[in-house]
Protein backbone atom coordinates (compact mmCIF):
# COMPACT_ATOMS: atom_id res chain seq x y z
CA MET A 1 110.39 143.17 106.31
CA ASN A 2 107.17 141.49 106.34
CA ASN A 3 105.68 141.58 110.11
CA VAL A 4 102.61 144.08 110.00
CA PHE A 5 100.65 144.92 113.35
CA ILE A 6 97.49 146.56 112.94
CA VAL A 7 96.86 149.54 115.48
CA THR A 8 93.45 151.39 115.71
CA PRO A 9 94.13 155.22 116.46
CA SER A 10 91.33 156.44 114.69
CA TYR A 11 87.69 154.69 114.03
CA LEU A 12 86.54 151.29 113.45
CA ILE A 13 85.58 148.96 110.62
CA LYS A 14 81.78 148.75 110.67
CA LYS A 15 82.11 145.99 108.28
CA LYS A 16 83.98 142.72 109.08
CA ARG A 17 84.07 141.91 105.37
CA ASP A 18 85.64 145.06 104.99
CA PHE A 19 88.51 143.90 107.20
CA THR A 20 89.02 140.73 105.90
CA GLY A 21 89.58 141.85 102.68
CA GLY A 22 92.31 144.08 103.68
CA ILE A 23 94.12 140.83 105.30
CA LYS A 24 93.55 138.85 102.72
CA GLN A 25 95.39 141.56 100.56
CA LEU A 26 98.27 141.99 103.10
CA THR A 27 98.73 138.34 102.73
CA ARG A 28 98.82 138.16 98.95
CA LEU A 29 101.53 140.83 98.84
CA GLY A 30 103.60 138.74 100.87
CA PHE A 31 103.25 140.27 104.55
CA ASN A 32 102.64 138.34 107.42
CA VAL A 33 99.85 140.15 109.83
CA ILE A 34 100.37 139.35 113.48
CA ASN A 35 97.33 140.26 114.96
CA GLN A 36 94.46 139.28 112.72
CA GLU A 37 91.44 139.64 115.32
CA PHE A 38 88.74 142.02 114.39
CA PRO A 39 89.04 145.14 116.24
CA GLU A 40 85.49 145.60 117.88
CA SER A 41 85.80 148.03 120.45
CA LEU A 42 87.32 151.88 120.35
CA PRO A 43 90.63 152.27 122.63
CA SER A 44 90.85 155.45 124.77
CA PRO A 45 93.10 157.95 123.88
CA GLN A 46 95.50 156.43 126.45
CA GLU A 47 94.73 152.97 125.00
CA LYS A 48 95.71 153.82 121.29
CA ALA A 49 98.71 155.06 122.62
CA ASP A 50 99.78 152.11 124.53
CA GLN A 51 98.44 150.08 121.42
CA ILE A 52 101.13 152.08 119.19
CA HIS A 53 104.13 151.56 121.93
CA GLY A 54 103.43 148.07 122.05
CA ALA A 55 104.02 148.08 118.20
CA PHE A 56 107.17 149.98 118.21
CA ALA A 57 108.87 147.82 121.10
CA ASP A 58 108.18 144.48 119.53
CA PRO A 59 111.03 143.26 117.65
CA ALA A 60 108.68 140.86 115.52
CA VAL A 61 107.21 143.87 113.95
CA ASP A 62 108.18 145.51 110.71
CA ILE A 63 105.24 147.86 109.62
CA ILE A 64 102.80 149.42 111.90
CA LEU A 65 99.67 149.77 109.50
CA ALA A 66 96.57 152.07 110.85
CA LEU A 67 92.95 149.79 110.72
CA ARG A 68 91.25 153.06 109.08
CA GLY A 69 91.16 157.02 109.38
CA GLY A 70 88.12 158.94 110.34
CA TYR A 71 88.66 161.04 113.79
CA SER A 72 90.45 160.87 117.37
CA ALA A 73 93.91 159.92 116.17
CA MET A 74 95.29 163.36 117.64
CA LYS A 75 93.49 162.59 121.32
CA SER A 76 96.28 160.29 121.46
CA LEU A 77 99.48 162.72 121.45
CA PRO A 78 99.95 163.87 124.45
CA TYR A 79 100.48 160.06 125.75
CA LEU A 80 102.80 158.88 122.82
CA ASP A 81 106.29 158.50 123.95
CA PHE A 82 108.38 159.39 121.36
CA ASP A 83 111.74 158.72 122.52
CA LEU A 84 110.61 154.98 122.24
CA PHE A 85 109.91 155.50 118.42
CA LYS A 86 113.39 156.77 118.03
CA LYS A 87 114.86 153.79 120.34
CA HIS A 88 112.78 151.26 118.33
CA PRO A 89 112.04 152.76 114.72
CA LYS A 90 109.03 151.23 112.40
CA ILE A 91 107.58 151.93 109.52
CA ILE A 92 104.28 153.57 110.83
CA ALA A 93 101.90 153.85 107.94
CA GLY A 94 98.08 155.67 107.22
CA PHE A 95 96.45 158.77 105.93
CA SER A 96 93.52 161.15 106.37
CA ASP A 97 92.95 161.20 110.09
CA LEU A 98 96.64 159.49 110.51
CA SER A 99 98.20 162.80 109.33
CA ALA A 100 98.06 164.18 112.95
CA LEU A 101 100.54 161.04 113.92
CA LEU A 102 102.64 160.88 110.45
CA ASN A 103 104.08 164.32 110.93
CA PRO A 104 104.57 164.75 114.58
CA ILE A 105 106.26 161.33 114.67
CA PHE A 106 109.06 162.57 111.84
CA GLU A 107 109.19 165.64 113.21
CA ARG A 108 109.98 164.50 116.48
CA THR A 109 112.18 161.12 115.91
CA GLY A 110 113.29 161.99 112.25
CA LEU A 111 111.81 158.99 110.89
CA VAL A 112 110.06 159.11 108.15
CA THR A 113 106.03 157.73 108.11
CA LEU A 114 104.18 156.66 105.13
CA HIS A 115 101.27 158.51 104.09
CA ALA A 116 99.43 155.57 102.37
CA PRO A 117 96.43 153.35 102.27
CA MET A 118 94.96 151.86 105.60
CA VAL A 119 93.89 148.29 106.23
CA ILE A 120 90.49 149.34 105.03
CA ASN A 121 91.23 151.04 101.74
CA LEU A 122 93.16 147.61 100.86
CA GLY A 123 89.94 145.07 100.10
CA THR A 124 89.36 146.38 96.54
CA PRO A 125 92.86 148.18 95.62
CA THR A 126 93.70 149.33 92.31
CA ALA A 127 97.23 148.01 90.59
CA PHE A 128 98.68 151.52 90.99
CA THR A 129 97.54 151.68 94.33
CA LEU A 130 99.73 148.10 95.31
CA LYS A 131 102.91 149.36 93.06
CA SER A 132 103.22 152.51 94.94
CA LEU A 133 102.64 151.05 98.34
CA MET A 134 105.37 148.05 97.87
CA ASN A 135 107.51 151.00 96.43
CA ALA A 136 107.41 152.68 99.54
CA VAL A 137 107.69 149.25 101.39
CA ASN A 138 110.72 148.03 99.71
CA GLY A 139 112.63 151.65 100.66
CA TYR A 140 111.24 153.52 97.26
CA PRO A 141 113.66 151.74 94.26
CA GLU A 142 111.48 154.34 92.55
CA LYS A 143 112.35 157.74 93.33
CA ASN A 144 109.92 159.59 90.93
CA LEU A 145 106.97 160.04 93.29
CA PHE A 146 105.03 161.21 90.16
CA LYS A 147 106.09 158.56 87.90
CA GLY A 148 102.86 157.74 85.72
CA VAL A 149 100.71 160.50 87.42
CA ARG A 150 99.23 163.23 85.13
CA CYS A 151 99.39 166.77 87.15
CA LYS A 152 98.41 170.01 86.97
CA VAL A 153 100.81 173.39 87.21
CA TYR A 154 99.12 176.11 88.68
CA ASN A 155 102.39 178.19 89.40
CA PRO A 156 105.28 176.75 87.60
CA GLY A 157 109.25 176.15 89.40
CA ALA A 158 111.45 173.93 90.89
CA ALA A 159 111.79 173.63 94.87
CA THR A 160 113.59 171.23 97.13
CA GLY A 161 112.28 170.70 100.73
CA VAL A 162 110.77 168.43 103.41
CA LEU A 163 108.12 166.31 102.59
CA LYS A 164 105.09 166.91 105.06
CA GLY A 165 101.34 167.48 105.22
CA GLY A 166 98.08 165.39 104.78
CA ASN A 167 94.61 165.94 105.40
CA LEU A 168 93.73 169.42 105.59
CA ILE A 169 91.35 169.37 108.07
CA THR A 170 93.35 167.49 110.52
CA LEU A 171 96.11 169.53 110.49
CA THR A 172 94.34 172.75 110.97
CA ALA A 173 93.12 170.98 114.07
CA LEU A 174 96.81 171.16 115.00
CA ILE A 175 97.64 174.60 114.56
CA ASP A 176 98.51 176.83 118.04
CA THR A 177 99.15 173.34 119.73
CA ASP A 178 102.24 171.58 120.38
CA TRP A 179 101.98 168.94 117.73
CA GLU A 180 101.43 171.32 114.87
CA ILE A 181 103.40 171.09 111.73
CA ASP A 182 106.23 172.98 110.95
CA THR A 183 105.94 174.28 107.66
CA THR A 184 109.10 175.95 107.10
CA GLY A 185 111.60 174.68 104.36
CA SER A 186 108.55 172.10 103.53
CA ILE A 187 107.16 170.88 100.32
CA LEU A 188 103.56 170.90 101.61
CA PHE A 189 100.81 168.46 100.37
CA LEU A 190 97.30 169.04 101.15
CA GLU A 191 93.89 166.59 100.73
CA ASP A 192 90.32 166.15 102.13
CA VAL A 193 87.18 164.57 101.85
CA ASP A 194 83.39 165.44 101.64
CA GLU A 195 83.73 168.92 102.63
CA GLU A 196 81.82 172.18 101.70
CA LEU A 197 83.97 174.63 99.63
CA HIS A 198 83.07 177.59 102.28
CA GLU A 199 84.38 174.88 104.91
CA VAL A 200 87.82 174.44 103.15
CA ASP A 201 87.66 178.28 102.32
CA ARG A 202 87.76 178.94 106.08
CA PHE A 203 90.24 176.09 107.02
CA LEU A 204 92.76 177.37 104.25
CA THR A 205 92.41 181.12 105.29
CA GLN A 206 93.22 179.98 109.10
CA TRP A 207 96.66 178.46 107.36
CA ILE A 208 96.88 182.11 105.95
CA LEU A 209 96.11 184.10 108.32
CA THR A 210 98.31 182.37 110.90
CA ARG A 211 101.55 182.80 108.02
CA ARG A 212 101.46 178.74 107.58
CA PHE A 213 102.41 179.42 103.76
CA LYS A 214 105.05 182.15 104.11
CA GLU A 215 107.76 179.65 104.54
CA ILE A 216 107.34 176.96 102.32
CA LYS A 217 109.51 175.61 99.52
CA ALA A 218 106.22 174.71 97.11
CA LEU A 219 102.38 173.38 97.45
CA ILE A 220 101.16 169.85 96.42
CA LEU A 221 97.13 170.20 96.04
CA GLY A 222 95.56 166.63 96.52
CA ASP A 223 92.15 165.94 95.82
CA PHE A 224 89.43 167.54 97.53
CA ARG A 225 86.24 165.29 96.15
CA GLY A 226 83.74 167.42 94.94
CA ILE A 227 85.83 170.72 94.42
CA SER A 228 88.04 171.69 91.70
CA SER A 229 91.98 172.09 92.45
CA GLN A 230 90.96 175.84 90.32
CA LYS A 231 88.81 176.52 93.08
CA ILE A 232 91.47 175.70 95.94
CA TYR A 233 94.19 177.24 94.28
CA ASP A 234 92.02 180.43 93.85
CA ILE A 235 91.10 180.75 97.60
CA LEU A 236 94.93 181.35 97.97
CA THR A 237 95.62 183.94 95.19
CA SER A 238 93.00 185.54 96.35
CA GLN A 239 94.22 186.34 99.65
CA MET A 240 98.27 185.86 99.17
CA ASP A 241 100.72 186.13 96.51
CA VAL A 242 101.80 182.77 95.73
CA ASN A 243 105.66 182.73 95.09
CA PHE A 244 106.18 179.16 95.45
CA PRO A 245 105.60 176.60 92.91
CA VAL A 246 102.03 174.64 92.99
CA VAL A 247 100.85 171.77 91.23
CA HIS A 248 97.74 169.51 91.56
CA CYS A 249 98.32 165.99 91.68
CA PRO A 250 94.83 163.77 91.58
CA TYR A 251 96.67 160.83 93.01
CA ILE A 252 96.98 161.98 96.49
CA GLY A 253 94.08 161.92 99.21
CA HIS A 254 90.99 159.72 99.77
CA VAL A 255 91.53 158.18 95.83
CA GLN A 256 91.35 154.82 94.41
CA ASN A 257 94.58 155.23 92.61
CA LYS A 258 96.88 156.46 95.53
CA ILE A 259 100.16 157.26 95.87
CA THR A 260 102.47 156.35 99.29
CA LEU A 261 104.46 159.20 100.04
CA PRO A 262 107.19 159.36 102.48
CA ILE A 263 106.50 162.34 105.35
CA GLY A 264 110.07 163.52 106.24
CA ALA A 265 111.96 162.50 102.89
CA GLU A 266 114.06 165.45 101.18
CA VAL A 267 112.12 165.96 97.79
CA GLU A 268 112.62 168.20 95.13
CA LEU A 269 109.37 169.23 92.53
CA ASN A 270 110.17 170.30 89.27
CA THR A 271 106.93 171.85 87.21
CA ASP A 272 108.91 171.36 84.06
CA SER A 273 109.20 167.84 84.48
CA LYS A 274 106.14 167.18 86.74
CA GLN A 275 108.49 165.38 88.75
CA LEU A 276 108.57 164.79 92.75
CA VAL A 277 111.73 162.95 93.18
CA ILE A 278 113.25 161.72 96.45
CA ARG A 279 116.77 163.29 97.05
CA LYS A 280 117.75 161.97 100.64
CA MET A 281 115.47 159.81 103.11
CA SER A 282 116.23 158.18 106.23
CA PHE A 283 114.04 155.11 106.41
CA PRO A 284 114.13 152.44 109.17
CA GLY A 285 116.80 149.79 108.39
CA GLY A 286 118.78 152.52 106.92
CA SER A 287 119.32 155.78 105.05
CA ARG A 288 118.73 155.52 101.03
C-alpha cells in the first residue's frame, strides 16, 4: 500500500512550496504520489466529486489524501456515489473541513476513514505526527491511540462505541441534513480552530438543543486553539447533565503533534488508564 492520489475537496494551497514540501515528505515516507502537479484552480462541487470517484475507481490508488481543509467539501456531498466507494474500498484521509466527508463515507459504506494530516500539514511535521500516521496506514499495529499522549479527565468512566467526529463548526453545519452524523452509540471527538468562545458556545448549544449528545457513549475534546478545554466543558455542564466519560486530548485538531484517528472503528475509552484502544476495525484490505 504506497500509491497516494491527492484530491482537492476544500481550499487550495496558496504557496507552492507548502505543496512541494508535503510531496517530499510523502516520498521520504515511502509513498508514491501519483499526481504531483500543483493544483491552481478550485474544482466545482461536481468536479470535486468526480475527482474523488476517479481516485476510488483507479486500481493503482491505495490512499486518497486531501490537499488541505478550509471550506466547501460539504458542497460535493449530493454528488458523491457511495456505492462506488463500497465497490472499490480505499483509505481516504484528511481532517478539519474533511470531517464533512469522512463521517458520511463511513456511515454510508462501512469503510473506516482517517482523520489525519493532509498535504499542507506534511511539509514540517513532527516525529509524533508521522509515527501516528504510519501506524494508521499500516493498519494500526499499535491499538492504543492515546499511547504517549497526555489527557485530562473531566468526567470519569469507561465506554465502548464507534469513533466519530471532527471539526465542530463543520459538523454543526450538517445537522438536519441528509449527511449529519448519527451520534447514537458513538465515542465522539470534537475540535475547532480560531473560533471565538461565544461562537463555540453557540455551536455546542445547538448540539445540546437538538439532543445530539443524548445517546453518545463518551466525548473527547480535542484542541480548540485559544479556548481552554475547561471552558468547553463548562458550556456543556451549564446546560445538560453529563452522564458519560469526558476527556481532553490536546493531540487532536489543528496542532503540531497530531493523532491519526480511525473514524468508524470500534474503540474503548478508559479514563482510569487514560487509554483509547481500538477493539474492532474494518479497514480496506481486511478486518483487524
